[in-house]
N, C-alpha and C. Protein backbone atom coordinates (compact mmCIF):
# COMPACT_ATOMS: atom_id res chain seq x y z
N MET A 1 -16.69 -26.11 31.09
CA MET A 1 -15.98 -27.21 30.43
C MET A 1 -15.63 -26.87 28.98
N VAL A 2 -16.62 -26.23 28.28
CA VAL A 2 -16.37 -25.85 26.90
C VAL A 2 -15.26 -24.81 26.83
N ARG A 3 -15.34 -23.83 27.75
CA ARG A 3 -14.32 -22.77 27.78
C ARG A 3 -12.95 -23.36 28.05
N THR A 4 -12.87 -24.31 28.96
CA THR A 4 -11.59 -24.95 29.28
C THR A 4 -11.07 -25.74 28.09
N ALA A 5 -11.97 -26.43 27.40
CA ALA A 5 -11.56 -27.23 26.24
C ALA A 5 -11.03 -26.33 25.13
N LEU A 6 -11.73 -25.20 24.90
CA LEU A 6 -11.27 -24.26 23.87
C LEU A 6 -9.92 -23.66 24.22
N HIS A 7 -9.75 -23.33 25.49
CA HIS A 7 -8.48 -22.75 25.92
C HIS A 7 -7.35 -23.77 25.75
N THR A 8 -7.63 -25.02 26.12
CA THR A 8 -6.61 -26.06 25.99
C THR A 8 -6.25 -26.29 24.53
N ALA A 9 -7.27 -26.30 23.67
CA ALA A 9 -7.02 -26.50 22.24
C ALA A 9 -6.19 -25.35 21.67
N GLU A 10 -6.50 -24.14 22.11
CA GLU A 10 -5.76 -22.98 21.61
C GLU A 10 -4.30 -23.02 22.08
N GLU A 11 -4.11 -23.36 23.34
CA GLU A 11 -2.75 -23.44 23.85
C GLU A 11 -1.95 -24.51 23.10
N THR A 12 -2.62 -25.59 22.72
CA THR A 12 -1.96 -26.63 21.94
C THR A 12 -1.53 -26.08 20.59
N TRP A 13 -2.44 -25.29 19.97
CA TRP A 13 -2.10 -24.65 18.70
C TRP A 13 -0.92 -23.71 18.86
N PHE A 14 -0.92 -22.93 19.94
CA PHE A 14 0.19 -21.99 20.18
C PHE A 14 1.53 -22.74 20.27
N THR A 15 1.50 -23.85 20.97
CA THR A 15 2.73 -24.65 21.12
C THR A 15 3.16 -25.22 19.77
N THR A 16 2.20 -25.69 19.00
CA THR A 16 2.51 -26.28 17.69
C THR A 16 3.10 -25.25 16.75
N VAL A 17 2.46 -24.09 16.67
CA VAL A 17 2.93 -23.04 15.75
C VAL A 17 4.30 -22.52 16.19
N ALA A 18 4.45 -22.26 17.48
CA ALA A 18 5.72 -21.73 17.97
C ALA A 18 6.87 -22.71 17.71
N ALA A 19 6.56 -24.02 17.76
CA ALA A 19 7.60 -25.02 17.52
C ALA A 19 8.08 -25.00 16.07
N ARG A 20 7.30 -24.43 15.18
CA ARG A 20 7.70 -24.34 13.78
C ARG A 20 8.69 -23.20 13.52
N LEU A 21 8.86 -22.34 14.50
CA LEU A 21 9.79 -21.22 14.37
C LEU A 21 11.17 -21.62 14.87
N SER A 22 12.17 -21.23 14.14
CA SER A 22 13.53 -21.47 14.62
C SER A 22 13.80 -20.56 15.82
N PRO A 23 14.76 -20.91 16.67
CA PRO A 23 15.06 -20.06 17.83
C PRO A 23 15.38 -18.62 17.44
N GLN A 24 16.08 -18.44 16.32
CA GLN A 24 16.43 -17.09 15.88
C GLN A 24 15.19 -16.29 15.49
N VAL A 25 14.29 -16.93 14.74
CA VAL A 25 13.07 -16.25 14.30
C VAL A 25 12.18 -15.95 15.49
N ARG A 26 12.05 -16.91 16.42
CA ARG A 26 11.21 -16.68 17.60
C ARG A 26 11.76 -15.52 18.42
N GLU A 27 13.07 -15.42 18.51
CA GLU A 27 13.67 -14.31 19.25
C GLU A 27 13.35 -12.97 18.59
N LYS A 28 13.38 -12.92 17.25
CA LYS A 28 13.06 -11.68 16.54
C LYS A 28 11.59 -11.30 16.74
N VAL A 29 10.72 -12.31 16.73
CA VAL A 29 9.29 -12.05 16.91
C VAL A 29 9.02 -11.49 18.30
N LEU A 30 9.56 -12.13 19.32
CA LEU A 30 9.33 -11.68 20.70
C LEU A 30 10.01 -10.34 20.98
N ALA A 31 11.06 -10.03 20.21
CA ALA A 31 11.75 -8.74 20.39
C ALA A 31 10.85 -7.57 20.03
N LEU A 32 9.80 -7.82 19.26
CA LEU A 32 8.87 -6.75 18.88
C LEU A 32 8.20 -6.12 20.09
N VAL A 33 7.98 -6.93 21.14
CA VAL A 33 7.32 -6.41 22.34
C VAL A 33 8.27 -6.30 23.52
N ALA A 34 9.51 -6.69 23.33
CA ALA A 34 10.46 -6.69 24.45
C ALA A 34 10.68 -5.29 25.00
N THR A 35 10.78 -4.31 24.11
CA THR A 35 11.05 -2.93 24.54
C THR A 35 10.00 -1.95 24.02
N ALA A 36 8.95 -2.45 23.40
CA ALA A 36 7.93 -1.56 22.83
C ALA A 36 7.14 -0.89 23.95
N PRO A 37 6.89 0.42 23.84
CA PRO A 37 6.08 1.11 24.85
C PRO A 37 4.63 0.68 24.79
N ASP A 38 3.91 0.84 25.90
CA ASP A 38 2.51 0.43 25.93
C ASP A 38 1.61 1.40 25.18
N THR A 39 2.00 2.68 25.14
CA THR A 39 1.17 3.68 24.47
C THR A 39 1.61 3.81 23.03
N ILE A 40 1.15 2.88 22.20
CA ILE A 40 1.47 2.88 20.78
C ILE A 40 0.33 3.54 20.03
N GLU A 41 0.62 4.68 19.43
CA GLU A 41 -0.40 5.36 18.65
C GLU A 41 -0.25 4.96 17.20
N VAL A 42 -1.28 4.32 16.68
CA VAL A 42 -1.25 3.90 15.28
C VAL A 42 -1.82 5.04 14.45
N VAL A 43 -0.93 5.81 13.84
CA VAL A 43 -1.32 7.00 13.09
C VAL A 43 -1.10 6.75 11.62
N GLU A 44 -2.02 7.22 10.79
CA GLU A 44 -1.87 7.04 9.36
C GLU A 44 -0.62 7.77 8.89
N GLY A 45 0.21 7.04 8.13
CA GLY A 45 1.41 7.66 7.58
C GLY A 45 2.42 8.01 8.65
N ASP A 46 2.33 7.41 9.85
CA ASP A 46 3.24 7.73 10.94
C ASP A 46 4.66 7.38 10.57
N ASP A 47 5.56 8.36 10.67
CA ASP A 47 6.95 8.13 10.31
C ASP A 47 7.85 8.84 11.30
N GLN A 48 7.53 8.71 12.57
CA GLN A 48 8.28 9.42 13.59
C GLN A 48 9.59 8.69 13.87
N ASP A 49 10.61 9.53 14.21
CA ASP A 49 11.91 8.96 14.54
C ASP A 49 11.79 8.17 15.85
N GLY A 50 12.42 7.03 15.88
CA GLY A 50 12.45 6.25 17.10
C GLY A 50 11.22 5.42 17.35
N GLU A 51 10.31 5.33 16.40
CA GLU A 51 9.13 4.51 16.60
C GLU A 51 9.54 3.04 16.65
N SER A 52 8.82 2.25 17.42
CA SER A 52 9.14 0.84 17.52
C SER A 52 8.72 0.12 16.25
N GLU A 53 9.33 -1.05 16.04
CA GLU A 53 8.96 -1.84 14.87
C GLU A 53 7.52 -2.30 14.96
N LEU A 54 7.05 -2.55 16.18
CA LEU A 54 5.66 -2.97 16.35
C LEU A 54 4.71 -1.85 15.93
N ALA A 55 5.05 -0.61 16.28
CA ALA A 55 4.22 0.53 15.86
C ALA A 55 4.26 0.68 14.34
N LEU A 56 5.42 0.45 13.76
CA LEU A 56 5.55 0.53 12.30
C LEU A 56 4.68 -0.52 11.62
N VAL A 57 4.72 -1.74 12.15
CA VAL A 57 3.95 -2.83 11.56
C VAL A 57 2.45 -2.55 11.66
N LYS A 58 2.02 -1.98 12.78
CA LYS A 58 0.59 -1.73 12.98
C LYS A 58 0.09 -0.51 12.22
N ALA A 59 0.98 0.42 11.88
CA ALA A 59 0.55 1.68 11.27
C ALA A 59 -0.15 1.46 9.94
N MET A 60 -1.21 2.24 9.71
CA MET A 60 -1.96 2.15 8.47
C MET A 60 -1.36 3.11 7.45
N PRO A 61 -1.55 2.83 6.15
CA PRO A 61 -0.96 3.69 5.12
C PRO A 61 -1.63 5.06 5.09
N GLY A 62 -0.85 6.08 4.69
CA GLY A 62 -1.39 7.42 4.56
C GLY A 62 -1.96 7.66 3.18
N ASN A 63 -2.13 8.93 2.83
CA ASN A 63 -2.64 9.28 1.51
C ASN A 63 -1.62 8.95 0.44
N VAL A 64 -2.06 8.98 -0.81
CA VAL A 64 -1.18 8.65 -1.93
C VAL A 64 -0.07 9.68 -2.03
N SER A 65 1.15 9.24 -1.81
CA SER A 65 2.31 10.11 -1.91
C SER A 65 3.56 9.24 -1.93
N LEU A 66 4.66 9.85 -2.33
CA LEU A 66 5.93 9.13 -2.32
C LEU A 66 6.30 8.71 -0.91
N GLU A 67 6.03 9.59 0.06
CA GLU A 67 6.38 9.27 1.45
C GLU A 67 5.59 8.07 1.96
N SER A 68 4.29 8.00 1.59
CA SER A 68 3.48 6.86 2.00
C SER A 68 4.01 5.56 1.40
N MET A 69 4.44 5.64 0.14
CA MET A 69 4.96 4.45 -0.52
C MET A 69 6.26 4.00 0.14
N LEU A 70 7.13 4.95 0.46
CA LEU A 70 8.39 4.61 1.14
C LEU A 70 8.12 4.02 2.52
N GLN A 71 7.10 4.55 3.20
CA GLN A 71 6.72 4.03 4.52
C GLN A 71 6.27 2.58 4.42
N GLU A 72 5.46 2.27 3.41
CA GLU A 72 4.97 0.91 3.24
C GLU A 72 6.12 -0.04 2.86
N ILE A 73 7.07 0.46 2.09
CA ILE A 73 8.24 -0.36 1.74
C ILE A 73 9.06 -0.66 2.99
N ARG A 74 9.26 0.34 3.84
CA ARG A 74 9.96 0.13 5.12
C ARG A 74 9.24 -0.93 5.95
N LYS A 75 7.92 -0.83 5.98
CA LYS A 75 7.11 -1.75 6.76
C LYS A 75 7.28 -3.18 6.24
N LEU A 76 7.19 -3.33 4.92
CA LEU A 76 7.31 -4.66 4.32
C LEU A 76 8.69 -5.25 4.57
N ARG A 77 9.72 -4.43 4.46
CA ARG A 77 11.07 -4.91 4.72
C ARG A 77 11.25 -5.33 6.18
N ALA A 78 10.66 -4.57 7.09
CA ALA A 78 10.76 -4.90 8.51
C ALA A 78 10.09 -6.25 8.80
N ILE A 79 8.94 -6.48 8.17
CA ILE A 79 8.22 -7.74 8.39
C ILE A 79 9.00 -8.92 7.80
N ARG A 80 9.48 -8.74 6.57
CA ARG A 80 10.19 -9.84 5.90
C ARG A 80 11.55 -10.11 6.52
N SER A 81 12.14 -9.12 7.17
CA SER A 81 13.46 -9.33 7.78
C SER A 81 13.41 -10.32 8.94
N ILE A 82 12.21 -10.54 9.49
CA ILE A 82 12.07 -11.49 10.60
C ILE A 82 12.22 -12.92 10.10
N GLY A 83 11.79 -13.17 8.87
CA GLY A 83 12.01 -14.49 8.28
C GLY A 83 11.03 -15.56 8.67
N LEU A 84 9.74 -15.20 8.76
CA LEU A 84 8.73 -16.21 9.08
C LEU A 84 8.60 -17.23 7.95
N PRO A 85 8.39 -18.51 8.28
CA PRO A 85 8.16 -19.51 7.23
C PRO A 85 6.88 -19.20 6.46
N THR A 86 6.90 -19.41 5.17
CA THR A 86 5.73 -19.09 4.35
C THR A 86 4.54 -20.00 4.65
N ASP A 87 4.81 -21.21 5.12
CA ASP A 87 3.72 -22.15 5.41
C ASP A 87 3.44 -22.28 6.90
N LEU A 88 3.77 -21.24 7.65
CA LEU A 88 3.63 -21.31 9.10
C LEU A 88 2.19 -21.59 9.53
N PHE A 89 1.23 -20.95 8.84
CA PHE A 89 -0.18 -21.11 9.22
C PHE A 89 -0.97 -21.84 8.12
N ALA A 90 -0.30 -22.71 7.41
CA ALA A 90 -0.95 -23.40 6.29
C ALA A 90 -2.15 -24.23 6.73
N ASP A 91 -2.11 -24.79 7.93
CA ASP A 91 -3.20 -25.65 8.40
C ASP A 91 -4.09 -24.95 9.42
N VAL A 92 -3.98 -23.63 9.52
CA VAL A 92 -4.81 -22.86 10.44
C VAL A 92 -5.94 -22.20 9.65
N ALA A 93 -7.15 -22.30 10.15
CA ALA A 93 -8.31 -21.71 9.47
C ALA A 93 -8.15 -20.20 9.37
N PRO A 94 -8.53 -19.60 8.24
CA PRO A 94 -8.40 -18.15 8.07
C PRO A 94 -9.07 -17.33 9.18
N LYS A 95 -10.24 -17.78 9.64
CA LYS A 95 -10.93 -17.05 10.71
C LYS A 95 -10.14 -17.07 12.00
N VAL A 96 -9.52 -18.21 12.28
CA VAL A 96 -8.71 -18.32 13.49
C VAL A 96 -7.48 -17.42 13.38
N LEU A 97 -6.85 -17.44 12.23
CA LEU A 97 -5.68 -16.59 12.00
C LEU A 97 -6.05 -15.11 12.13
N ALA A 98 -7.20 -14.73 11.59
CA ALA A 98 -7.64 -13.33 11.68
C ALA A 98 -7.92 -12.93 13.12
N SER A 99 -8.47 -13.86 13.92
CA SER A 99 -8.75 -13.54 15.33
C SER A 99 -7.44 -13.39 16.11
N TRP A 100 -6.44 -14.22 15.82
CA TRP A 100 -5.14 -14.08 16.48
C TRP A 100 -4.49 -12.75 16.10
N ARG A 101 -4.59 -12.39 14.83
CA ARG A 101 -4.03 -11.12 14.38
C ARG A 101 -4.68 -9.95 15.12
N GLN A 102 -6.00 -10.00 15.27
CA GLN A 102 -6.71 -8.91 15.93
C GLN A 102 -6.33 -8.82 17.40
N ARG A 103 -6.13 -9.94 18.04
CA ARG A 103 -5.73 -9.92 19.45
C ARG A 103 -4.35 -9.32 19.62
N ALA A 104 -3.45 -9.61 18.67
CA ALA A 104 -2.11 -9.02 18.73
C ALA A 104 -2.16 -7.51 18.52
N VAL A 105 -3.15 -7.04 17.75
CA VAL A 105 -3.29 -5.61 17.50
C VAL A 105 -3.77 -4.88 18.74
N VAL A 106 -4.78 -5.44 19.41
CA VAL A 106 -5.42 -4.72 20.51
C VAL A 106 -4.70 -4.91 21.85
N GLU A 107 -3.96 -6.00 22.01
CA GLU A 107 -3.27 -6.21 23.29
C GLU A 107 -2.04 -5.32 23.39
N SER A 108 -1.82 -4.80 24.56
CA SER A 108 -0.65 -3.95 24.78
C SER A 108 0.62 -4.81 24.82
N PRO A 109 1.78 -4.20 24.56
CA PRO A 109 3.03 -4.96 24.66
C PRO A 109 3.22 -5.60 26.04
N THR A 110 2.80 -4.90 27.09
CA THR A 110 2.92 -5.47 28.44
C THR A 110 2.10 -6.74 28.57
N HIS A 111 0.87 -6.70 28.05
CA HIS A 111 0.01 -7.87 28.10
C HIS A 111 0.61 -9.03 27.32
N LEU A 112 1.15 -8.72 26.15
CA LEU A 112 1.78 -9.77 25.34
C LEU A 112 3.02 -10.33 26.04
N ARG A 113 3.76 -9.48 26.75
CA ARG A 113 4.95 -9.97 27.47
C ARG A 113 4.57 -10.89 28.63
N ARG A 114 3.36 -10.71 29.17
CA ARG A 114 2.91 -11.56 30.28
C ARG A 114 2.47 -12.94 29.80
N ARG A 115 2.21 -13.05 28.53
CA ARG A 115 1.78 -14.34 27.98
C ARG A 115 2.96 -15.32 27.96
N SER A 116 2.62 -16.58 27.73
CA SER A 116 3.67 -17.57 27.53
C SER A 116 4.41 -17.24 26.24
N PRO A 117 5.68 -17.57 26.13
CA PRO A 117 6.42 -17.28 24.89
C PRO A 117 5.75 -17.88 23.66
N GLU A 118 5.14 -19.07 23.85
CA GLU A 118 4.49 -19.73 22.71
C GLU A 118 3.28 -18.94 22.22
N SER A 119 2.43 -18.50 23.14
CA SER A 119 1.23 -17.77 22.73
C SER A 119 1.60 -16.39 22.17
N ALA A 120 2.55 -15.71 22.80
CA ALA A 120 2.97 -14.39 22.31
C ALA A 120 3.58 -14.50 20.92
N ALA A 121 4.43 -15.49 20.74
CA ALA A 121 5.08 -15.67 19.44
C ALA A 121 4.05 -15.99 18.36
N THR A 122 3.05 -16.81 18.70
CA THR A 122 2.04 -17.18 17.71
C THR A 122 1.17 -15.99 17.33
N LEU A 123 0.72 -15.22 18.33
CA LEU A 123 -0.12 -14.05 18.04
C LEU A 123 0.64 -13.01 17.21
N LEU A 124 1.89 -12.76 17.58
CA LEU A 124 2.68 -11.79 16.83
C LEU A 124 2.99 -12.28 15.42
N ALA A 125 3.24 -13.59 15.29
CA ALA A 125 3.50 -14.15 13.96
C ALA A 125 2.25 -14.03 13.09
N ALA A 126 1.07 -14.22 13.70
CA ALA A 126 -0.17 -14.05 12.95
C ALA A 126 -0.33 -12.60 12.49
N LEU A 127 0.00 -11.67 13.36
CA LEU A 127 -0.05 -10.26 13.00
C LEU A 127 0.88 -9.96 11.84
N LEU A 128 2.11 -10.46 11.93
CA LEU A 128 3.10 -10.21 10.87
C LEU A 128 2.67 -10.82 9.54
N THR A 129 2.14 -12.04 9.60
CA THR A 129 1.71 -12.73 8.37
C THR A 129 0.58 -11.97 7.69
N GLU A 130 -0.42 -11.59 8.47
CA GLU A 130 -1.56 -10.87 7.91
C GLU A 130 -1.16 -9.48 7.42
N ARG A 131 -0.31 -8.80 8.18
CA ARG A 131 0.11 -7.45 7.79
C ARG A 131 0.97 -7.49 6.53
N GLU A 132 1.74 -8.56 6.35
CA GLU A 132 2.55 -8.66 5.13
C GLU A 132 1.64 -8.68 3.90
N ARG A 133 0.56 -9.43 3.98
CA ARG A 133 -0.39 -9.46 2.86
C ARG A 133 -1.04 -8.10 2.66
N GLU A 134 -1.46 -7.49 3.75
CA GLU A 134 -2.14 -6.20 3.66
C GLU A 134 -1.22 -5.11 3.14
N VAL A 135 0.03 -5.11 3.60
CA VAL A 135 0.98 -4.09 3.15
C VAL A 135 1.30 -4.28 1.68
N THR A 136 1.42 -5.54 1.26
CA THR A 136 1.66 -5.80 -0.17
C THR A 136 0.51 -5.27 -1.02
N ASP A 137 -0.72 -5.54 -0.58
CA ASP A 137 -1.89 -5.02 -1.30
C ASP A 137 -1.90 -3.49 -1.29
N SER A 138 -1.55 -2.92 -0.15
CA SER A 138 -1.52 -1.47 -0.03
C SER A 138 -0.49 -0.85 -0.97
N LEU A 139 0.66 -1.50 -1.08
CA LEU A 139 1.70 -1.00 -1.99
C LEU A 139 1.22 -1.04 -3.44
N VAL A 140 0.54 -2.11 -3.81
CA VAL A 140 0.01 -2.20 -5.17
C VAL A 140 -1.01 -1.09 -5.42
N ASP A 141 -1.90 -0.86 -4.45
CA ASP A 141 -2.90 0.20 -4.59
C ASP A 141 -2.24 1.57 -4.71
N LEU A 142 -1.22 1.81 -3.88
CA LEU A 142 -0.51 3.09 -3.93
C LEU A 142 0.18 3.27 -5.28
N LEU A 143 0.77 2.20 -5.79
CA LEU A 143 1.46 2.28 -7.07
C LEU A 143 0.48 2.59 -8.20
N ILE A 144 -0.66 1.90 -8.20
CA ILE A 144 -1.67 2.14 -9.23
C ILE A 144 -2.18 3.58 -9.15
N ALA A 145 -2.47 4.04 -7.93
CA ALA A 145 -2.97 5.41 -7.76
C ALA A 145 -1.92 6.43 -8.19
N THR A 146 -0.64 6.14 -7.91
CA THR A 146 0.42 7.06 -8.31
C THR A 146 0.55 7.13 -9.83
N VAL A 147 0.46 5.96 -10.48
CA VAL A 147 0.54 5.92 -11.95
C VAL A 147 -0.63 6.69 -12.56
N HIS A 148 -1.83 6.51 -12.01
CA HIS A 148 -3.00 7.23 -12.50
C HIS A 148 -2.82 8.73 -12.32
N ARG A 149 -2.25 9.11 -11.17
CA ARG A 149 -2.04 10.54 -10.92
C ARG A 149 -1.03 11.11 -11.89
N ILE A 150 0.04 10.36 -12.16
CA ILE A 150 1.05 10.82 -13.12
C ILE A 150 0.43 10.95 -14.51
N GLY A 151 -0.40 9.94 -14.89
CA GLY A 151 -1.06 9.99 -16.20
C GLY A 151 -1.99 11.18 -16.33
N ALA A 152 -2.75 11.46 -15.25
CA ALA A 152 -3.67 12.60 -15.29
C ALA A 152 -2.91 13.92 -15.41
N ARG A 153 -1.81 14.02 -14.69
CA ARG A 153 -1.02 15.25 -14.76
C ARG A 153 -0.38 15.42 -16.14
N ALA A 154 0.11 14.29 -16.70
CA ALA A 154 0.72 14.36 -18.03
C ALA A 154 -0.32 14.77 -19.07
N GLU A 155 -1.53 14.20 -18.95
CA GLU A 155 -2.60 14.54 -19.90
C GLU A 155 -2.97 16.01 -19.79
N GLN A 156 -3.04 16.50 -18.56
CA GLN A 156 -3.36 17.91 -18.35
C GLN A 156 -2.27 18.81 -18.92
N THR A 157 -1.01 18.38 -18.76
CA THR A 157 0.11 19.18 -19.30
C THR A 157 0.05 19.26 -20.81
N VAL A 158 -0.22 18.13 -21.46
CA VAL A 158 -0.31 18.12 -22.93
C VAL A 158 -1.47 18.99 -23.39
N THR A 159 -2.61 18.89 -22.70
CA THR A 159 -3.77 19.71 -23.07
C THR A 159 -3.45 21.19 -22.95
N ASN A 160 -2.79 21.56 -21.85
CA ASN A 160 -2.42 22.97 -21.66
C ASN A 160 -1.46 23.44 -22.74
N GLU A 161 -0.51 22.58 -23.12
CA GLU A 161 0.44 22.95 -24.17
C GLU A 161 -0.27 23.17 -25.50
N LEU A 162 -1.25 22.31 -25.83
CA LEU A 162 -2.00 22.47 -27.07
C LEU A 162 -2.82 23.75 -27.05
N ILE A 163 -3.44 24.03 -25.91
CA ILE A 163 -4.23 25.26 -25.79
C ILE A 163 -3.35 26.48 -25.94
N ASN A 164 -2.19 26.45 -25.29
CA ASN A 164 -1.27 27.59 -25.39
C ASN A 164 -0.75 27.76 -26.81
N ALA A 165 -0.46 26.63 -27.49
CA ALA A 165 0.00 26.72 -28.87
C ALA A 165 -1.09 27.28 -29.77
N PHE A 166 -2.34 26.89 -29.51
CA PHE A 166 -3.46 27.40 -30.30
C PHE A 166 -3.64 28.91 -30.08
N LYS A 167 -3.44 29.35 -28.83
CA LYS A 167 -3.58 30.77 -28.53
C LYS A 167 -2.50 31.61 -29.21
N ARG A 168 -1.33 31.01 -29.44
CA ARG A 168 -0.23 31.76 -30.03
C ARG A 168 -0.40 31.97 -31.54
N VAL A 169 -1.28 31.22 -32.17
CA VAL A 169 -1.48 31.34 -33.62
C VAL A 169 -2.31 32.59 -33.90
N SER A 170 -1.76 33.50 -34.67
CA SER A 170 -2.48 34.73 -35.01
C SER A 170 -3.52 34.44 -36.08
N GLY A 171 -4.71 35.04 -35.95
CA GLY A 171 -5.77 34.86 -36.93
C GLY A 171 -6.29 33.44 -37.00
N LYS A 172 -6.25 32.73 -35.88
CA LYS A 172 -6.62 31.32 -35.89
C LYS A 172 -8.07 31.12 -36.28
N GLU A 173 -8.96 32.08 -35.88
CA GLU A 173 -10.37 31.93 -36.23
C GLU A 173 -10.55 31.98 -37.75
N ASN A 174 -9.86 32.93 -38.41
CA ASN A 174 -9.98 33.04 -39.86
C ASN A 174 -9.46 31.79 -40.56
N ILE A 175 -8.36 31.25 -40.03
CA ILE A 175 -7.79 30.04 -40.64
C ILE A 175 -8.78 28.88 -40.52
N LEU A 176 -9.41 28.76 -39.37
CA LEU A 176 -10.38 27.68 -39.17
C LEU A 176 -11.57 27.84 -40.12
N PHE A 177 -12.05 29.08 -40.27
CA PHE A 177 -13.17 29.31 -41.19
C PHE A 177 -12.78 28.97 -42.63
N GLN A 178 -11.55 29.36 -43.03
CA GLN A 178 -11.09 29.09 -44.39
C GLN A 178 -10.94 27.59 -44.64
N ILE A 179 -10.46 26.88 -43.61
CA ILE A 179 -10.34 25.43 -43.74
C ILE A 179 -11.71 24.80 -43.90
N ALA A 180 -12.68 25.28 -43.10
CA ALA A 180 -14.03 24.75 -43.18
C ALA A 180 -14.65 25.03 -44.54
N GLU A 181 -14.49 26.27 -45.03
CA GLU A 181 -15.05 26.64 -46.33
C GLU A 181 -14.42 25.82 -47.45
N ALA A 182 -13.07 25.63 -47.39
CA ALA A 182 -12.39 24.86 -48.43
C ALA A 182 -12.84 23.41 -48.42
N SER A 183 -13.10 22.87 -47.22
CA SER A 183 -13.55 21.48 -47.12
C SER A 183 -14.94 21.31 -47.71
N LEU A 184 -15.81 22.30 -47.48
CA LEU A 184 -17.16 22.22 -48.00
C LEU A 184 -17.21 22.46 -49.50
N ALA A 185 -16.36 23.39 -49.99
CA ALA A 185 -16.38 23.73 -51.41
C ALA A 185 -15.84 22.60 -52.27
N ALA A 186 -14.80 21.95 -51.81
CA ALA A 186 -14.20 20.87 -52.60
C ALA A 186 -13.85 19.71 -51.66
N PRO A 187 -14.82 18.94 -51.28
CA PRO A 187 -14.57 17.86 -50.30
C PRO A 187 -13.60 16.79 -50.77
N ASP A 188 -13.45 16.66 -52.11
CA ASP A 188 -12.55 15.64 -52.63
C ASP A 188 -11.14 16.15 -52.85
N GLU A 189 -10.92 17.43 -52.70
CA GLU A 189 -9.60 18.02 -52.92
C GLU A 189 -8.88 18.17 -51.59
N GLU A 190 -7.54 18.39 -51.68
CA GLU A 190 -6.77 18.65 -50.48
C GLU A 190 -7.17 20.02 -49.92
N VAL A 191 -7.27 20.09 -48.60
CA VAL A 191 -7.71 21.32 -47.96
C VAL A 191 -6.74 22.46 -48.23
N ARG A 192 -5.43 22.16 -48.28
CA ARG A 192 -4.44 23.21 -48.42
C ARG A 192 -4.59 23.97 -49.73
N ARG A 193 -5.19 23.33 -50.75
CA ARG A 193 -5.38 24.03 -52.02
C ARG A 193 -6.43 25.12 -51.93
N GLY A 194 -7.37 24.96 -51.01
CA GLY A 194 -8.42 25.96 -50.88
C GLY A 194 -8.14 27.02 -49.86
N VAL A 195 -6.98 26.90 -49.17
CA VAL A 195 -6.62 27.90 -48.16
C VAL A 195 -5.55 28.81 -48.74
N PRO A 196 -5.72 30.14 -48.69
CA PRO A 196 -4.68 31.04 -49.20
C PRO A 196 -3.33 30.74 -48.58
N ARG A 197 -2.25 30.93 -49.40
CA ARG A 197 -0.90 30.60 -48.95
C ARG A 197 -0.53 31.34 -47.67
N GLY A 198 -0.90 32.59 -47.55
CA GLY A 198 -0.51 33.37 -46.39
C GLY A 198 -1.19 32.92 -45.11
N ALA A 199 -2.27 32.21 -45.22
CA ALA A 199 -3.01 31.77 -44.03
C ALA A 199 -2.57 30.41 -43.55
N ARG A 200 -1.64 29.75 -44.25
CA ARG A 200 -1.24 28.40 -43.86
C ARG A 200 -0.23 28.40 -42.70
N GLY A 201 0.35 29.52 -42.38
CA GLY A 201 1.27 29.63 -41.25
C GLY A 201 2.63 29.14 -41.55
């Protein structure tokens, strides 16, 4: 009886959520599984030609790189192009939404096609909604990591340039000693006065 009641309540939710989708949006959502193959390999950074939109949506981000960032942008654009309402799941508990998203991930396209249009549309919409948030977060993380990497490389480049410039100075050790001696001998005077003219470079 409890199982039947839960199933009935869930089917009611599926009908309610699906009714919030316009016919055009519902058609786009169901199209994700209309021709998608059952053997969808979710590979990190997967960017194979001819991959289905469902495989693209499910794919996890790869390592920090320009290609990974472009992949995530493609993914976000594909999700947003469907046009789901922003308040579609406003009255659905987060745990329930997460469970629907997980079911859409693990169920094969064939299994989803066997479902009622209302339940399939709701599960796929939950997947799209949750993935949009995750992809947005992933893009922010990739951007931050890329900026940090650029900063580290720039810092290393400047350091190398300073080291190379220091190596090019002839008699640099003597100049450093003379600067130190001049500073100690007359701490209140300008250092250049205590360094011989020929050693100033």
